Every structure is written in structure tokens, then in C-alpha cells.
Amino acid sequence: MSEINREAVAHLARLAHIEMTAGELDKMAGELDVIVDSIKSVQEAAGPDVPATSHPIPLANVFREDVVGETLTQEQALSGAPDSADGRFKVPAILDEE
């Protein structure tokens, strides 16, 4: 058994301003207890000769090459805009500028 109990969950819920019923506290305490115990068992299985990993298989560079493709001219980009001014998109102001 871990040190996660109903009182610890209630304390964390109060700190996070989360209202929980007695049933929810009991259920969450049980679920967190299972999670903590599972982590402990994994830590016991992984000895000092097992390196820590973030992925089960090694990752190669997963990014594609940054190749410039077809681009729109300024006129083409603005052609579908509802409004433009000085070669830019014109949008309604949303912030007050005082």
C-alpha cells in the first residue's frame, strides 16, 4: 500500500479548489494508490543496468526536410480576403487602444 489515502486526496482537492464528494474521495484515493503501487513495481523491475527511456524504440529524426514549395504572391493571398489595406489583411480591432 502506498501513502495515498483519503485524507491526502481531500487535502489536494482543497488546495486545487476542487469539490469532491466522499465517494469521489474514496474512489480517487483507491485509483491513485493503484497508480503509485504500479510505479513502485516498475521501479523495482528496472535495475541500475537498465537505462531510462522515454520511448520503447529508438527514434530517428522524425521531421521532414524543410523544403520551400509553391507560395502565394501577396496579391494571390489577399484575393480572397474580405478586406485589405496597404497590402495587408484588414481585420476589425478587438482591443481598445486608449
Protein backbone atom coordinates (compact mmCIF):
# COMPACT_ATOMS: atom_id res chain seq x y z
CA MET A 1 0.00 0.00 0.00
CA SER A 2 1.19 3.47 -0.81
CA GLU A 3 0.83 6.54 1.32
CA ILE A 4 -2.09 7.83 -0.74
CA ASN A 5 -5.15 7.89 1.47
CA ARG A 6 -8.49 9.66 1.58
CA GLU A 7 -7.14 12.48 3.74
CA ALA A 8 -4.27 13.18 1.32
CA VAL A 9 -6.68 13.31 -1.61
CA ALA A 10 -9.02 15.62 0.33
CA HIS A 11 -6.08 17.90 1.14
CA LEU A 12 -5.01 18.07 -2.50
CA ALA A 13 -8.60 18.70 -3.59
CA ARG A 14 -8.84 21.62 -1.16
CA LEU A 15 -5.54 23.07 -2.43
CA ALA A 16 -6.77 22.79 -6.02
CA HIS A 17 -10.21 24.21 -5.11
CA ILE A 18 -11.91 21.04 -6.37
CA GLU A 19 -15.08 19.98 -4.62
CA MET A 20 -15.29 16.22 -4.20
CA THR A 21 -17.91 14.06 -2.55
CA ALA A 22 -16.97 11.41 0.00
CA GLY A 23 -17.47 8.73 -2.64
CA GLU A 24 -15.26 10.56 -5.13
CA LEU A 25 -12.53 10.95 -2.48
CA ASP A 26 -12.62 7.23 -1.70
CA LYS A 27 -12.59 6.27 -5.38
CA MET A 28 -9.75 8.68 -6.23
CA ALA A 29 -7.69 7.50 -3.25
CA GLY A 30 -8.03 3.91 -4.44
CA GLU A 31 -7.15 4.78 -8.04
CA LEU A 32 -4.11 6.85 -7.03
CA ASP A 33 -3.00 4.07 -4.70
CA VAL A 34 -3.04 1.59 -7.60
CA ILE A 35 -1.06 4.03 -9.80
CA VAL A 36 1.60 4.62 -7.14
CA ASP A 37 1.93 0.89 -6.45
CA SER A 38 2.29 0.20 -10.18
CA ILE A 39 5.08 2.76 -10.46
CA LYS A 40 6.83 1.19 -7.48
CA SER A 41 6.71 -2.24 -9.11
CA VAL A 42 8.18 -0.86 -12.35
CA GLN A 43 10.95 0.87 -10.40
CA GLU A 44 11.78 -2.43 -8.69
CA ALA A 45 11.99 -4.27 -12.03
CA ALA A 46 14.28 -1.70 -13.63
CA GLY A 47 17.72 -2.21 -12.16
CA PRO A 48 20.76 0.05 -12.40
CA ASP A 49 21.82 -1.68 -15.64
CA VAL A 50 18.56 -0.69 -17.39
CA PRO A 51 18.80 2.79 -18.92
CA ALA A 52 15.87 5.16 -18.52
CA THR A 53 13.94 5.63 -21.75
CA SER A 54 11.20 7.92 -22.96
CA HIS A 55 10.22 5.63 -25.87
CA PRO A 56 10.24 1.84 -26.18
CA ILE A 57 12.08 2.01 -29.51
CA PRO A 58 14.78 4.45 -30.58
CA LEU A 59 13.56 7.37 -32.64
CA ALA A 60 15.32 8.71 -35.69
CA ASN A 61 14.79 12.20 -36.98
CA VAL A 62 11.04 12.27 -37.47
CA PHE A 63 10.96 15.70 -39.08
CA ARG A 64 10.70 16.17 -42.81
CA GLU A 65 13.13 18.28 -44.75
CA ASP A 66 12.28 21.98 -44.74
CA VAL A 67 11.80 22.50 -48.46
CA VAL A 68 10.28 25.63 -49.94
CA GLY A 69 7.27 24.72 -52.05
CA GLU A 70 4.86 26.78 -54.07
CA THR A 71 4.00 30.03 -52.35
CA LEU A 72 1.34 32.62 -52.99
CA THR A 73 2.12 36.12 -54.12
CA GLN A 74 0.85 38.95 -51.97
CA GLU A 75 -1.94 39.62 -54.45
CA GLN A 76 -2.99 35.96 -54.53
CA ALA A 77 -3.06 35.75 -50.73
CA LEU A 78 -5.17 38.88 -50.44
CA SER A 79 -7.51 38.00 -53.32
CA GLY A 80 -9.91 36.06 -51.08
CA ALA A 81 -9.72 38.44 -48.13
CA PRO A 82 -12.91 40.30 -47.26
CA ASP A 83 -10.90 43.48 -46.69
CA SER A 84 -7.29 44.60 -47.13
CA ALA A 85 -5.28 47.78 -46.88
CA ASP A 86 -1.68 48.61 -47.82
CA GLY A 87 -1.00 45.03 -48.92
CA ARG A 88 -2.16 43.52 -45.62
CA PHE A 89 -5.24 41.77 -44.28
CA LYS A 90 -7.56 44.26 -42.61
CA VAL A 91 -9.44 42.95 -39.59
CA PRO A 92 -11.70 44.60 -37.04
CA ALA A 93 -9.98 45.87 -33.89
CA ILE A 94 -10.62 43.68 -30.85
CA LEU A 95 -8.63 45.62 -28.25
CA ASP A 96 -9.27 49.13 -27.11
CA GLU A 97 -6.33 51.36 -27.87
CA GLU A 98 -6.51 54.24 -25.46
